Amino acid sequence: MRIGTYNVQGFRGYPAEAAARALRHPDDDAAGAYFARVFEALRCDVLAVQEGPAARQMHRVAGLLGYQMAGFSSPLRWPGYLLSRYPILDARTFSRWRPLADRWPFSRMGGEARLQLDDGSRLLVIVLHLHPRHERVRRAEAAFVRERLAALWTQADHAAVLGDFNCAPDEPIHALLRDLGFVNAMVAAGGGVQPTYDSTGAMALTLDHIYLSHSLAPTLVGAEVIREPGFWHAGPLPPGAWLHSDHLAVMAEAG
């Protein structure tokens, strides 16, 4: 089972000005077809997407790939999605719109879905896009994730928590997952946490992660940050060049 997470910057390309001629608009057929090919190249069975396009565009992409899809709305402008080759049994969005939404947990996005794996077991996937600026909000988001895992563990055999954590690896969300027996796929696979933003390496921030439950960790066979052409470029981009996103995709093989 190949599990991935990717913040796609709204299907705009990076930088958006250079990508506009090819993609035209995030809702355009050209952008949908382009990112369907990008996702196909990742070869995922389960792919979490942050900062996705509008739901109609993501439905188009899922149809082109033959994936099932769960959508997680954002109270602001950062929807998330889960694409899956496995049947999606149910799904839930954590956030909702309210006044001053940016001050509340999951103002970016948070959600969960349960999948039916080929062997009959069930996988709970929690997809996160945590607040990028306020540690207080991230602490509240981490506490909510702990509650959800405790409440739903009896309904699934395995779990994965993944996405754009928007924080350093010493913050509460990482600590609570370790306390619950989850392992960071990149750490467990031997590569260690690696920069995933931005995709030219200028800022070198480690934001995107895949955590696997103790039931999946022994089956982990590898993990990687994708640095193939189109996903990553060593150093400043030449004039007019662009990449799929400002983030790098993270992949884990397990099961």
C-alpha atoms as a PDB file:
ATOM      1  CA  MET A   1       0.000   0.000   0.000  1.00  0.00           C
ATOM      2  CA  ARG A   2       1.465   3.328  -1.101  1.00  0.00           C
ATOM      3  CA  ILE A   3       0.283   6.300   0.965  1.00  0.00           C
ATOM      4  CA  GLY A   4       1.054   9.897   0.061  1.00  0.00           C
ATOM      5  CA  THR A   5       0.427  13.481   1.072  1.00  0.00           C
ATOM      6  CA  TYR A   6       0.784  16.547  -1.126  1.00  0.00           C
ATOM      7  CA  ASN A   7      -0.042  20.232  -0.669  1.00  0.00           C
ATOM      8  CA  VAL A   8      -0.820  21.243  -4.254  1.00  0.00           C
ATOM      9  CA  GLN A   9      -1.180  25.028  -3.803  1.00  0.00           C
ATOM     10  CA  GLY A  10      -4.626  25.158  -5.372  1.00  0.00           C
ATOM     11  CA  PHE A  11      -3.609  23.765  -8.798  1.00  0.00           C
ATOM     12  CA  ARG A  12      -1.935  27.095  -9.597  1.00  0.00           C
ATOM     13  CA  GLY A  13       1.622  25.862 -10.099  1.00  0.00           C
ATOM     14  CA  TYR A  14       4.699  27.456  -8.533  1.00  0.00           C
ATOM     15  CA  PRO A  15       5.279  30.242  -9.234  1.00  0.00           C
ATOM     16  CA  ALA A  16       1.723  30.801 -10.413  1.00  0.00           C
ATOM     17  CA  GLU A  17       2.668  33.553 -12.847  1.00  0.00           C
ATOM     18  CA  ALA A  18       4.959  31.233 -14.787  1.00  0.00           C
ATOM     19  CA  ALA A  19       2.452  28.350 -14.753  1.00  0.00           C
ATOM     20  CA  ALA A  20      -0.561  30.377 -15.882  1.00  0.00           C
ATOM     21  CA  ARG A  21       0.012  29.909 -19.613  1.00  0.00           C
ATOM     22  CA  ALA A  22      -0.091  26.089 -19.309  1.00  0.00           C
ATOM     23  CA  LEU A  23      -2.689  25.694 -16.554  1.00  0.00           C
ATOM     24  CA  ARG A  24      -4.775  28.761 -17.468  1.00  0.00           C
ATOM     25  CA  HIS A  25      -6.967  28.610 -14.325  1.00  0.00           C
ATOM     26  CA  PRO A  26      -7.202  26.133 -11.400  1.00  0.00           C
ATOM     27  CA  ASP A  27     -10.727  25.174 -12.538  1.00  0.00           C
ATOM     28  CA  ASP A  28      -9.797  24.786 -16.204  1.00  0.00           C
ATOM     29  CA  ASP A  29      -9.800  21.383 -17.916  1.00  0.00           C
ATOM     30  CA  ALA A  30      -6.107  21.873 -18.662  1.00  0.00           C
ATOM     31  CA  ALA A  31      -5.253  22.157 -14.964  1.00  0.00           C
ATOM     32  CA  GLY A  32      -7.381  19.113 -14.129  1.00  0.00           C
ATOM     33  CA  ALA A  33      -5.744  16.966 -16.788  1.00  0.00           C
ATOM     34  CA  TYR A  34      -2.288  18.179 -15.785  1.00  0.00           C
ATOM     35  CA  PHE A  35      -2.686  17.320 -12.101  1.00  0.00           C
ATOM     36  CA  ALA A  36      -4.319  14.000 -12.925  1.00  0.00           C
ATOM     37  CA  ARG A  37      -1.032  13.110 -14.651  1.00  0.00           C
ATOM     38  CA  VAL A  38       0.946  14.416 -11.657  1.00  0.00           C
ATOM     39  CA  PHE A  39      -1.059  12.264  -9.251  1.00  0.00           C
ATOM     40  CA  GLU A  40      -0.823   9.254 -11.559  1.00  0.00           C
ATOM     41  CA  ALA A  41       2.976   9.568 -11.486  1.00  0.00           C
ATOM     42  CA  LEU A  42       2.918   9.291  -7.679  1.00  0.00           C
ATOM     43  CA  ARG A  43       1.375   5.784  -7.968  1.00  0.00           C
ATOM     44  CA  CYS A  44      -0.548   6.127  -4.703  1.00  0.00           C
ATOM     45  CA  ASP A  45      -3.230   3.830  -3.380  1.00  0.00           C
ATOM     46  CA  VAL A  46      -4.166   6.561  -0.902  1.00  0.00           C
ATOM     47  CA  LEU A  47      -3.316  10.226  -1.508  1.00  0.00           C
ATOM     48  CA  ALA A  48      -4.130  13.105   0.851  1.00  0.00           C
ATOM     49  CA  VAL A  49      -4.314  16.515  -0.825  1.00  0.00           C
ATOM     50  CA  GLN A  50      -4.126  19.895   0.901  1.00  0.00           C
ATOM     51  CA  GLU A  51      -4.909  23.292  -0.652  1.00  0.00           C
ATOM     52  CA  GLY A  52      -6.855  21.550  -3.349  1.00  0.00           C
ATOM     53  CA  PRO A  53      -8.984  23.112  -6.094  1.00  0.00           C
ATOM     54  CA  ALA A  54     -12.751  23.470  -6.069  1.00  0.00           C
ATOM     55  CA  ALA A  55     -14.677  20.246  -5.477  1.00  0.00           C
ATOM     56  CA  ARG A  56     -15.931  20.048  -9.070  1.00  0.00           C
ATOM     57  CA  GLN A  57     -12.360  20.105 -10.391  1.00  0.00           C
ATOM     58  CA  MET A  58     -11.246  17.445  -7.921  1.00  0.00           C
ATOM     59  CA  HIS A  59     -14.182  15.248  -8.929  1.00  0.00           C
ATOM     60  CA  ARG A  60     -12.940  15.545 -12.513  1.00  0.00           C
ATOM     61  CA  VAL A  61      -9.431  14.479 -11.475  1.00  0.00           C
ATOM     62  CA  ALA A  62     -10.726  11.548  -9.413  1.00  0.00           C
ATOM     63  CA  GLY A  63     -12.784  10.406 -12.391  1.00  0.00           C
ATOM     64  CA  LEU A  64      -9.812  10.558 -14.746  1.00  0.00           C
ATOM     65  CA  LEU A  65      -7.804   8.398 -12.334  1.00  0.00           C
ATOM     66  CA  GLY A  66     -10.562   6.014 -11.289  1.00  0.00           C
ATOM     67  CA  TYR A  67     -10.176   6.916  -7.594  1.00  0.00           C
ATOM     68  CA  GLN A  68     -12.834   7.247  -4.958  1.00  0.00           C
ATOM     69  CA  MET A  69     -12.771  10.670  -3.296  1.00  0.00           C
ATOM     70  CA  ALA A  70     -13.648  12.238   0.037  1.00  0.00           C
ATOM     71  CA  GLY A  71     -13.729  16.018   0.301  1.00  0.00           C
ATOM     72  CA  PHE A  72     -12.963  18.110   3.388  1.00  0.00           C
ATOM     73  CA  SER A  73     -14.197  21.673   3.108  1.00  0.00           C
ATOM     74  CA  SER A  74     -12.279  24.635   4.491  1.00  0.00           C
ATOM     75  CA  PRO A  75     -14.019  27.518   6.275  1.00  0.00           C
ATOM     76  CA  LEU A  76     -11.664  29.852   4.422  1.00  0.00           C
ATOM     77  CA  ARG A  77     -10.037  28.875   1.111  1.00  0.00           C
ATOM     78  CA  TRP A  78      -7.975  25.700   1.592  1.00  0.00           C
ATOM     79  CA  PRO A  79     -10.096  22.578   0.903  1.00  0.00           C
ATOM     80  CA  GLY A  80      -8.611  19.122   1.305  1.00  0.00           C
ATOM     81  CA  TYR A  81      -9.290  15.759  -0.297  1.00  0.00           C
ATOM     82  CA  LEU A  82      -8.541  12.075   0.013  1.00  0.00           C
ATOM     83  CA  LEU A  83      -8.153  10.024  -3.153  1.00  0.00           C
ATOM     84  CA  SER A  84      -8.331   6.279  -2.655  1.00  0.00           C
ATOM     85  CA  ARG A  85      -8.195   3.109  -4.714  1.00  0.00           C
ATOM     86  CA  TYR A  86      -9.903   1.410  -1.771  1.00  0.00           C
ATOM     87  CA  PRO A  87     -13.608   1.813  -0.960  1.00  0.00           C
ATOM     88  CA  ILE A  88     -14.308   4.819   1.279  1.00  0.00           C
ATOM     89  CA  LEU A  89     -16.763   3.724   3.969  1.00  0.00           C
ATOM     90  CA  ASP A  90     -17.411   7.126   5.536  1.00  0.00           C
ATOM     91  CA  ALA A  91     -15.828  10.545   5.938  1.00  0.00           C
ATOM     92  CA  ARG A  92     -16.109  13.593   8.163  1.00  0.00           C
ATOM     93  CA  THR A  93     -14.838  17.183   8.047  1.00  0.00           C
ATOM     94  CA  PHE A  94     -13.537  18.634  11.324  1.00  0.00           C
ATOM     95  CA  SER A  95     -13.961  22.323  10.553  1.00  0.00           C
ATOM     96  CA  ARG A  96     -16.903  24.592   9.908  1.00  0.00           C
ATOM     97  CA  TRP A  97     -17.348  28.225   9.002  1.00  0.00           C
ATOM     98  CA  ARG A  98     -17.887  30.734  11.801  1.00  0.00           C
ATOM     99  CA  PRO A  99     -17.146  34.430  12.349  1.00  0.00           C
ATOM    100  CA  LEU A 100     -13.416  35.085  12.690  1.00  0.00           C
ATOM    101  CA  ALA A 101     -12.798  31.557  11.411  1.00  0.00           C
ATOM    102  CA  ASP A 102      -9.040  32.076  11.178  1.00  0.00           C
ATOM    103  CA  ARG A 103      -8.797  32.105  14.987  1.00  0.00           C
ATOM    104  CA  TRP A 104     -10.338  28.642  15.375  1.00  0.00           C
ATOM    105  CA  PRO A 105      -8.912  25.124  14.891  1.00  0.00           C
ATOM    106  CA  PHE A 106      -8.882  23.714  11.369  1.00  0.00           C
ATOM    107  CA  SER A 107      -9.422  27.065   9.679  1.00  0.00           C
ATOM    108  CA  ARG A 108      -7.242  25.549   6.943  1.00  0.00           C
ATOM    109  CA  MET A 109      -8.615  22.001   6.857  1.00  0.00           C
ATOM    110  CA  GLY A 110      -9.014  18.785   8.799  1.00  0.00           C
ATOM    111  CA  GLY A 111     -10.942  15.605   8.166  1.00  0.00           C
ATOM    112  CA  GLU A 112     -11.033  11.843   8.391  1.00  0.00           C
ATOM    113  CA  ALA A 113     -12.131   8.869   6.316  1.00  0.00           C
ATOM    114  CA  ARG A 114     -12.333   5.129   6.857  1.00  0.00           C
ATOM    115  CA  LEU A 115     -11.222   2.843   4.049  1.00  0.00           C
ATOM    116  CA  GLN A 116     -11.852  -0.843   3.428  1.00  0.00           C
ATOM    117  CA  LEU A 117      -8.545  -2.497   2.506  1.00  0.00           C
ATOM    118  CA  ASP A 118      -8.180  -5.518   0.259  1.00  0.00           C
ATOM    119  CA  ASP A 119      -7.693  -7.913   3.198  1.00  0.00           C
ATOM    120  CA  GLY A 120     -10.929  -6.759   4.833  1.00  0.00           C
ATOM    121  CA  SER A 121      -9.254  -4.606   7.472  1.00  0.00           C
ATOM    122  CA  ARG A 122     -10.160  -0.956   7.922  1.00  0.00           C
ATOM    123  CA  LEU A 123      -7.819   2.009   7.706  1.00  0.00           C
ATOM    124  CA  LEU A 124      -8.636   5.316   9.382  1.00  0.00           C
ATOM    125  CA  VAL A 125      -6.969   8.239   7.589  1.00  0.00           C
ATOM    126  CA  ILE A 126      -6.827  11.675   9.226  1.00  0.00           C
ATOM    127  CA  VAL A 127      -5.879  14.449   6.791  1.00  0.00           C
ATOM    128  CA  LEU A 128      -4.517  17.666   8.317  1.00  0.00           C
ATOM    129  CA  HIS A 129      -3.617  21.156   7.214  1.00  0.00           C
ATOM    130  CA  LEU A 130      -2.783  22.902  10.476  1.00  0.00           C
ATOM    131  CA  HIS A 131      -2.653  26.617  11.226  1.00  0.00           C
ATOM    132  CA  PRO A 132       0.616  28.133   9.937  1.00  0.00           C
ATOM    133  CA  ARG A 133       1.060  30.978  12.413  1.00  0.00           C
ATOM    134  CA  HIS A 134      -0.557  30.487  15.834  1.00  0.00           C
ATOM    135  CA  GLU A 135       0.797  27.798  18.160  1.00  0.00           C
ATOM    136  CA  ARG A 136      -2.277  28.180  20.388  1.00  0.00           C
ATOM    137  CA  VAL A 137      -4.525  27.091  17.529  1.00  0.00           C
ATOM    138  CA  ARG A 138      -2.196  24.207  16.623  1.00  0.00           C
ATOM    139  CA  ARG A 139      -2.345  22.999  20.227  1.00  0.00           C
ATOM    140  CA  ALA A 140      -6.126  22.921  20.026  1.00  0.00           C
ATOM    141  CA  GLU A 141      -5.941  21.095  16.696  1.00  0.00           C
ATOM    142  CA  ALA A 142      -3.583  18.513  18.225  1.00  0.00           C
ATOM    143  CA  ALA A 143      -5.903  17.964  21.184  1.00  0.00           C
ATOM    144  CA  PHE A 144      -8.817  17.384  18.821  1.00  0.00           C
ATOM    145  CA  VAL A 145      -6.828  14.801  16.842  1.00  0.00           C
ATOM    146  CA  ARG A 146      -6.050  12.948  20.078  1.00  0.00           C
ATOM    147  CA  GLU A 147      -9.766  12.814  20.919  1.00  0.00           C
ATOM    148  CA  ARG A 148     -10.694  11.559  17.457  1.00  0.00           C
ATOM    149  CA  LEU A 149      -8.095   8.796  17.524  1.00  0.00           C
ATOM    150  CA  ALA A 150      -9.223   7.671  20.965  1.00  0.00           C
ATOM    151  CA  ALA A 151     -12.874   7.690  19.936  1.00  0.00           C
ATOM    152  CA  LEU A 152     -12.460   5.934  16.593  1.00  0.00           C
ATOM    153  CA  TRP A 153      -9.721   3.409  17.269  1.00  0.00           C
ATOM    154  CA  THR A 154     -12.286   0.683  17.939  1.00  0.00           C
ATOM    155  CA  GLN A 155     -13.719   1.270  14.451  1.00  0.00           C
ATOM    156  CA  ALA A 156     -10.514   0.680  12.499  1.00  0.00           C
ATOM    157  CA  ASP A 157      -7.637  -1.790  12.458  1.00  0.00           C
ATOM    158  CA  HIS A 158      -5.005   0.698  11.302  1.00  0.00           C
ATOM    159  CA  ALA A 159      -4.585   4.459  11.166  1.00  0.00           C
ATOM    160  CA  ALA A 160      -2.541   7.065   9.316  1.00  0.00           C
ATOM    161  CA  VAL A 161      -2.301  10.749  10.191  1.00  0.00           C
ATOM    162  CA  LEU A 162      -0.802  12.851   7.437  1.00  0.00           C
ATOM    163  CA  GLY A 163      -0.726  16.214   5.757  1.00  0.00           C
ATOM    164  CA  ASP A 164       0.729  19.700   6.069  1.00  0.00           C
ATOM    165  CA  PHE A 165       1.476  20.128   9.781  1.00  0.00           C
ATOM    166  CA  ASN A 166       2.789  23.696   9.347  1.00  0.00           C
ATOM    167  CA  CYS A 167       5.048  23.375  12.400  1.00  0.00           C
ATOM    168  CA  ALA A 168       8.392  22.066  13.612  1.00  0.00           C
ATOM    169  CA  PRO A 169       8.711  18.387  14.617  1.00  0.00           C
ATOM    170  CA  ASP A 170       8.969  19.302  18.318  1.00  0.00           C
ATOM    171  CA  GLU A 171       5.423  20.712  18.533  1.00  0.00           C
ATOM    172  CA  PRO A 172       2.493  18.968  20.345  1.00  0.00           C
ATOM    173  CA  ILE A 173       0.949  17.246  17.317  1.00  0.00           C
ATOM    174  CA  HIS A 174       4.151  15.266  16.775  1.00  0.00           C
ATOM    175  CA  ALA A 175       4.572  14.462  20.472  1.00  0.00           C
ATOM    176  CA  LEU A 176       1.018  13.216  20.937  1.00  0.00           C
ATOM    177  CA  LEU A 177       1.261  10.947  17.885  1.00  0.00           C
ATOM    178  CA  ARG A 178       4.478   9.441  19.194  1.00  0.00           C
ATOM    179  CA  ASP A 179       2.844   8.994  22.612  1.00  0.00           C
ATOM    180  CA  LEU A 180       0.021   7.064  20.908  1.00  0.00           C
ATOM    181  CA  GLY A 181       2.519   4.717  19.269  1.00  0.00           C
ATOM    182  CA  PHE A 182       2.554   6.310  15.819  1.00  0.00           C
ATOM    183  CA  VAL A 183       5.801   6.468  13.870  1.00  0.00           C
ATOM    184  CA  ASN A 184       6.897   9.116  11.412  1.00  0.00           C
ATOM    185  CA  ALA A 185       7.341   7.202   8.162  1.00  0.00           C
ATOM    186  CA  MET A 186      10.406   9.168   7.060  1.00  0.00           C
ATOM    187  CA  VAL A 187      12.111   8.682  10.433  1.00  0.00           C
ATOM    188  CA  ALA A 188      11.265   4.974  10.635  1.00  0.00           C
ATOM    189  CA  ALA A 189      12.414   4.343   7.065  1.00  0.00           C
ATOM    190  CA  GLY A 190      15.850   5.716   7.882  1.00  0.00           C
ATOM    191  CA  GLY A 191      15.849   8.971   5.933  1.00  0.00           C
ATOM    192  CA  GLY A 192      14.865  11.232   8.821  1.00  0.00           C
ATOM    193  CA  VAL A 193      12.638  14.267   8.503  1.00  0.00           C
ATOM    194  CA  GLN A 194      13.541  16.278   5.425  1.00  0.00           C
ATOM    195  CA  PRO A 195      12.567  19.694   4.048  1.00  0.00           C
ATOM    196  CA  THR A 196       9.313  19.713   2.119  1.00  0.00           C
ATOM    197  CA  TYR A 197       8.863  23.490   1.589  1.00  0.00           C
ATOM    198  CA  ASP A 198       9.646  25.244  -0.630  1.00  0.00           C
ATOM    199  CA  SER A 199      10.296  23.011  -3.619  1.00  0.00           C
ATOM    200  CA  THR A 200      13.426  24.923  -4.661  1.00  0.00           C
ATOM    201  CA  GLY A 201      14.996  24.405  -1.249  1.00  0.00           C
ATOM    202  CA  ALA A 202      15.314  28.093  -0.428  1.00  0.00           C
ATOM    203  CA  MET A 203      13.468  27.938   2.915  1.00  0.00           C
ATOM    204  CA  ALA A 204      14.122  24.301   3.934  1.00  0.00           C
ATOM    205  CA  LEU A 205      11.082  23.871   6.206  1.00  0.00           C
ATOM    206  CA  THR A 206       9.911  20.387   7.235  1.00  0.00           C
ATOM    207  CA  LEU A 207       6.121  20.701   7.176  1.00  0.00           C
ATOM    208  CA  ASP A 208       4.633  17.617   5.489  1.00  0.00           C
ATOM    209  CA  HIS A 209       4.495  14.269   7.277  1.00  0.00           C
ATOM    210  CA  ILE A 210       3.028  10.772   7.284  1.00  0.00           C
ATOM    211  CA  TYR A 211       2.479   9.044  10.633  1.00  0.00           C
ATOM    212  CA  LEU A 212       1.515   5.370  10.770  1.00  0.00           C
ATOM    213  CA  SER A 213      -0.101   3.518  13.667  1.00  0.00           C
ATOM    214  CA  HIS A 214       1.758   0.812  15.597  1.00  0.00           C
ATOM    215  CA  SER A 215      -0.204  -1.808  13.632  1.00  0.00           C
ATOM    216  CA  LEU A 216       1.144  -0.517  10.297  1.00  0.00           C
ATOM    217  CA  ALA A 217       4.655   0.476  11.364  1.00  0.00           C
ATOM    218  CA  PRO A 218       6.125  -3.061  11.225  1.00  0.00           C
ATOM    219  CA  THR A 219       5.027  -3.336   7.583  1.00  0.00           C
ATOM    220  CA  LEU A 220       6.764  -0.102   6.502  1.00  0.00           C
ATOM    221  CA  VAL A 221       9.173  -0.856   3.662  1.00  0.00           C
ATOM    222  CA  GLY A 222      10.191   2.654   2.633  1.00  0.00           C
ATOM    223  CA  ALA A 223       9.406   6.364   2.579  1.00  0.00           C
ATOM    224  CA  GLU A 224      10.605   9.298   0.514  1.00  0.00           C
ATOM    225  CA  VAL A 225      10.221  12.969  -0.249  1.00  0.00           C
ATOM    226  CA  ILE A 226       9.654  13.233  -4.000  1.00  0.00           C
ATOM    227  CA  ARG A 227      12.418  15.203  -5.707  1.00  0.00           C
ATOM    228  CA  GLU A 228      11.800  14.247  -9.300  1.00  0.00           C
ATOM    229  CA  PRO A 229      11.631  16.830 -12.129  1.00  0.00           C
ATOM    230  CA  GLY A 230       8.476  18.890 -11.916  1.00  0.00           C
ATOM    231  CA  PHE A 231       8.214  18.341  -8.165  1.00  0.00           C
ATOM    232  CA  TRP A 232      11.571  19.839  -7.178  1.00  0.00           C
ATOM    233  CA  HIS A 233      14.405  21.957  -8.522  1.00  0.00           C
ATOM    234  CA  ALA A 234      17.861  22.427  -7.041  1.00  0.00           C
ATOM    235  CA  GLY A 235      18.138  26.119  -6.381  1.00  0.00           C
ATOM    236  CA  PRO A 236      16.418  29.102  -8.045  1.00  0.00           C
ATOM    237  CA  LEU A 237      14.223  28.356 -11.020  1.00  0.00           C
ATOM    238  CA  PRO A 238      15.252  29.665 -14.447  1.00  0.00           C
ATOM    239  CA  PRO A 239      13.066  32.478 -15.813  1.00  0.00           C
ATOM    240  CA  GLY A 240       9.700  31.121 -16.959  1.00  0.00           C
ATOM    241  CA  ALA A 241      10.175  27.689 -15.347  1.00  0.00           C
ATOM    242  CA  TRP A 242       7.680  26.378 -12.798  1.00  0.00           C
ATOM    243  CA  LEU A 243       6.923  23.383 -10.591  1.00  0.00           C
ATOM    244  CA  HIS A 244       3.740  21.553  -9.633  1.00  0.00           C
ATOM    245  CA  SER A 245       3.581  23.184  -6.182  1.00  0.00           C
ATOM    246  CA  ASP A 246       5.548  25.080  -3.548  1.00  0.00           C
ATOM    247  CA  HIS A 247       5.517  21.901  -1.386  1.00  0.00           C
ATOM    248  CA  LEU A 248       7.065  18.506  -2.019  1.00  0.00           C
ATOM    249  CA  ALA A 249       5.059  15.290  -1.896  1.00  0.00           C
ATOM    250  CA  VAL A 250       5.829  12.683   0.774  1.00  0.00           C
ATOM    251  CA  MET A 251       5.268   8.957   0.158  1.00  0.00           C
ATOM    252  CA  ALA A 252       5.311   5.828   2.348  1.00  0.00           C
ATOM    253  CA  GLU A 253       5.084   2.138   1.371  1.00  0.00           C
ATOM    254  CA  ALA A 254       3.487  -0.146   3.941  1.00  0.00           C
ATOM    255  CA  GLY A 255       1.476  -3.308   4.234  1.00  0.00           C
END
